Protein backbone atom coordinates (compact mmCIF):
# COMPACT_ATOMS: atom_id res chain seq x y z
CA MET A 1 0.00 0.00 0.00
CA ALA A 2 0.97 3.60 -0.57
CA GLU A 3 -0.29 7.03 0.40
CA GLY A 4 -1.91 9.92 -1.41
CA THR A 5 -2.99 13.31 -0.12
CA LEU A 6 -6.43 14.90 -0.26
CA LYS A 7 -6.98 18.65 -0.15
CA VAL A 8 -10.48 20.13 -0.01
CA ARG A 9 -11.52 23.76 -0.52
CA VAL A 10 -15.04 24.99 0.26
CA THR A 11 -16.35 28.19 -1.33
CA THR A 12 -19.64 29.89 -2.14
CA SER A 13 -20.82 28.89 -5.60
CA ASN A 14 -21.53 32.36 -7.00
CA ALA A 15 -18.55 34.40 -5.88
CA LEU A 16 -16.12 31.58 -5.02
CA LEU A 17 -15.56 33.22 -1.64
CA PRO A 18 -13.94 30.89 0.88
CA LEU A 19 -16.19 29.57 3.65
CA HIS A 20 -14.62 29.44 7.11
CA GLY A 21 -15.61 26.95 9.80
CA VAL A 22 -17.37 24.42 7.55
CA PRO A 23 -17.18 20.81 8.76
CA VAL A 24 -15.98 18.46 6.01
CA VAL A 25 -16.54 14.73 6.49
CA ILE A 26 -14.33 12.27 4.62
CA SER A 27 -15.38 8.63 4.55
CA ARG A 28 -15.04 5.47 2.49
CA ASP A 29 -17.78 3.13 1.26
CA ASP A 30 -17.07 -0.38 2.50
CA GLY A 31 -19.26 -1.95 -0.18
CA ASN A 32 -22.25 -3.14 1.81
CA GLY A 33 -23.82 0.29 2.20
CA LYS A 34 -21.63 0.96 5.23
CA ARG A 35 -19.23 3.84 5.49
CA THR A 36 -15.98 4.07 7.38
CA LEU A 37 -15.27 7.53 8.77
CA LEU A 38 -11.72 8.61 7.94
CA ALA A 39 -11.76 12.21 9.20
CA VAL A 40 -13.81 15.26 10.09
CA LYS A 41 -11.95 18.48 9.33
CA THR A 42 -13.00 22.14 9.56
CA THR A 43 -12.17 24.73 6.92
CA ASP A 44 -9.84 27.62 7.75
CA GLN A 45 -10.20 31.28 6.71
CA ASN A 46 -9.19 30.30 3.15
CA GLY A 47 -11.89 27.61 2.94
CA ASP A 48 -9.28 24.84 3.08
CA ILE A 49 -9.03 21.80 5.32
CA PRO A 50 -5.62 20.57 6.43
CA PRO A 51 -4.21 18.04 3.93
CA LEU A 52 -5.30 14.48 4.71
CA LYS A 53 -3.07 11.47 4.05
CA VAL A 54 -5.06 8.57 2.59
CA GLU A 55 -4.04 4.94 2.09
CA THR A 56 -4.00 4.05 -1.62
CA PRO A 57 -2.94 1.08 -3.76
CA SER A 58 0.79 1.02 -4.40
CA LEU A 59 2.14 3.00 -7.33
CA SER A 60 3.17 -0.20 -9.16
CA GLU A 61 -0.39 -1.56 -8.86
CA SER A 62 -1.82 1.71 -10.14
CA GLN A 63 0.28 1.46 -13.30
CA SER A 64 -0.67 -2.14 -14.14
CA SER A 65 -3.86 -2.95 -15.95
CA GLY A 66 -6.06 -5.97 -15.47
CA GLN A 67 -5.43 -6.56 -11.77
CA GLY A 68 -9.09 -6.02 -10.90
CA GLU A 69 -8.29 -3.41 -8.24
CA LEU A 70 -8.82 0.27 -8.95
CA PRO A 71 -5.50 2.17 -9.12
CA PHE A 72 -6.82 4.79 -6.68
CA THR A 73 -8.81 5.09 -3.47
CA GLN A 74 -12.40 6.33 -3.71
CA LEU A 75 -13.74 8.59 -0.97
CA ILE A 76 -17.01 10.27 -0.05
CA ILE A 77 -16.63 13.96 0.83
CA THR A 78 -19.47 15.87 2.49
CA ALA A 79 -19.73 19.54 3.53
CA ASP A 80 -22.64 21.10 5.37
CA ALA A 81 -22.84 24.76 6.40
CA PRO A 82 -25.75 26.82 7.79
CA GLY A 83 -27.38 28.88 5.03
CA TYR A 84 -26.15 26.56 2.28
CA TYR A 85 -27.29 23.32 0.72
CA ARG A 86 -25.35 20.28 1.86
CA ILE A 87 -23.00 18.87 -0.79
CA GLU A 88 -21.73 15.31 -1.16
CA VAL A 89 -19.18 14.03 -3.64
CA ASP A 90 -19.17 10.27 -4.09
CA ASP A 91 -16.12 8.38 -5.38
CA ALA A 92 -13.60 11.22 -5.23
CA GLN A 93 -10.31 9.69 -6.39
CA VAL A 94 -6.99 9.82 -4.56
CA PHE A 95 -3.95 8.37 -6.35
CA PRO A 96 -0.70 7.13 -4.77
CA ASP A 97 2.07 9.69 -4.24
CA THR A 98 -0.22 12.44 -5.56
CA THR A 99 -2.15 15.36 -4.08
CA SER A 100 -5.79 15.29 -5.17
CA ILE A 101 -7.74 18.56 -4.86
CA GLN A 102 -11.52 18.60 -4.46
CA ASN A 103 -13.27 21.97 -4.74
CA LEU A 104 -16.72 22.15 -3.18
CA GLU A 105 -18.94 25.07 -4.22
CA LEU A 106 -21.86 25.44 -1.82
CA LEU A 107 -25.14 26.92 -3.07
CA PRO A 108 -26.99 29.34 -0.78
CA SER A 109 -30.19 27.78 0.53
CA SER A 110 -33.58 29.44 0.23
CA THR A 111 -34.85 31.65 3.04
CA ASP A 112 -38.42 30.62 2.14
CA PRO A 113 -39.45 27.88 4.61
CA ASN A 114 -42.08 26.60 2.12
CA LEU A 115 -39.44 25.60 -0.40
CA ARG A 116 -37.99 22.14 -0.04
CA GLU A 117 -34.26 22.15 0.41
CA GLU A 118 -32.35 19.43 -1.38
CA ASP A 119 -28.77 18.38 -1.03
CA GLU A 120 -26.38 18.49 -3.95
CA ARG A 121 -24.87 15.13 -4.79
CA PHE A 122 -22.17 14.39 -7.34
CA SER A 123 -20.70 11.06 -8.34
CA ILE A 124 -17.32 10.93 -10.00
CA GLN A 125 -16.98 8.16 -12.55
CA PRO A 126 -13.82 6.01 -12.41
CA GLN A 127 -11.20 6.99 -14.93
CA ASN A 128 -10.54 4.66 -17.84
CA LEU A 129 -6.85 4.03 -17.22
């Protein structure tokens, strides 16, 4: 096994202004609908969380085809801030010996209590390597 690094930045969607104090949850899907919590980090004044080291397949495995294992680790990244819709990114990819950057742009939520608020959810498709 090897290690990759995940960086996450949280901003407002319209102006791309950094959001401070937003909890960001990083987890992994264990396959049976269960998630393993890897970390909960809070954004700083720049909207960034501290870099997170993540276990990944080894670099040699990631460069070989046909081994059946994905050459990267897939994560679920969630951010939820008051006044904004919750956002979740499924299958964010972290490669060995690489820094992966995930930008999360939060949409302001409606102030009308009669409108139904829905989360934003994105799924990243595996790369064809």
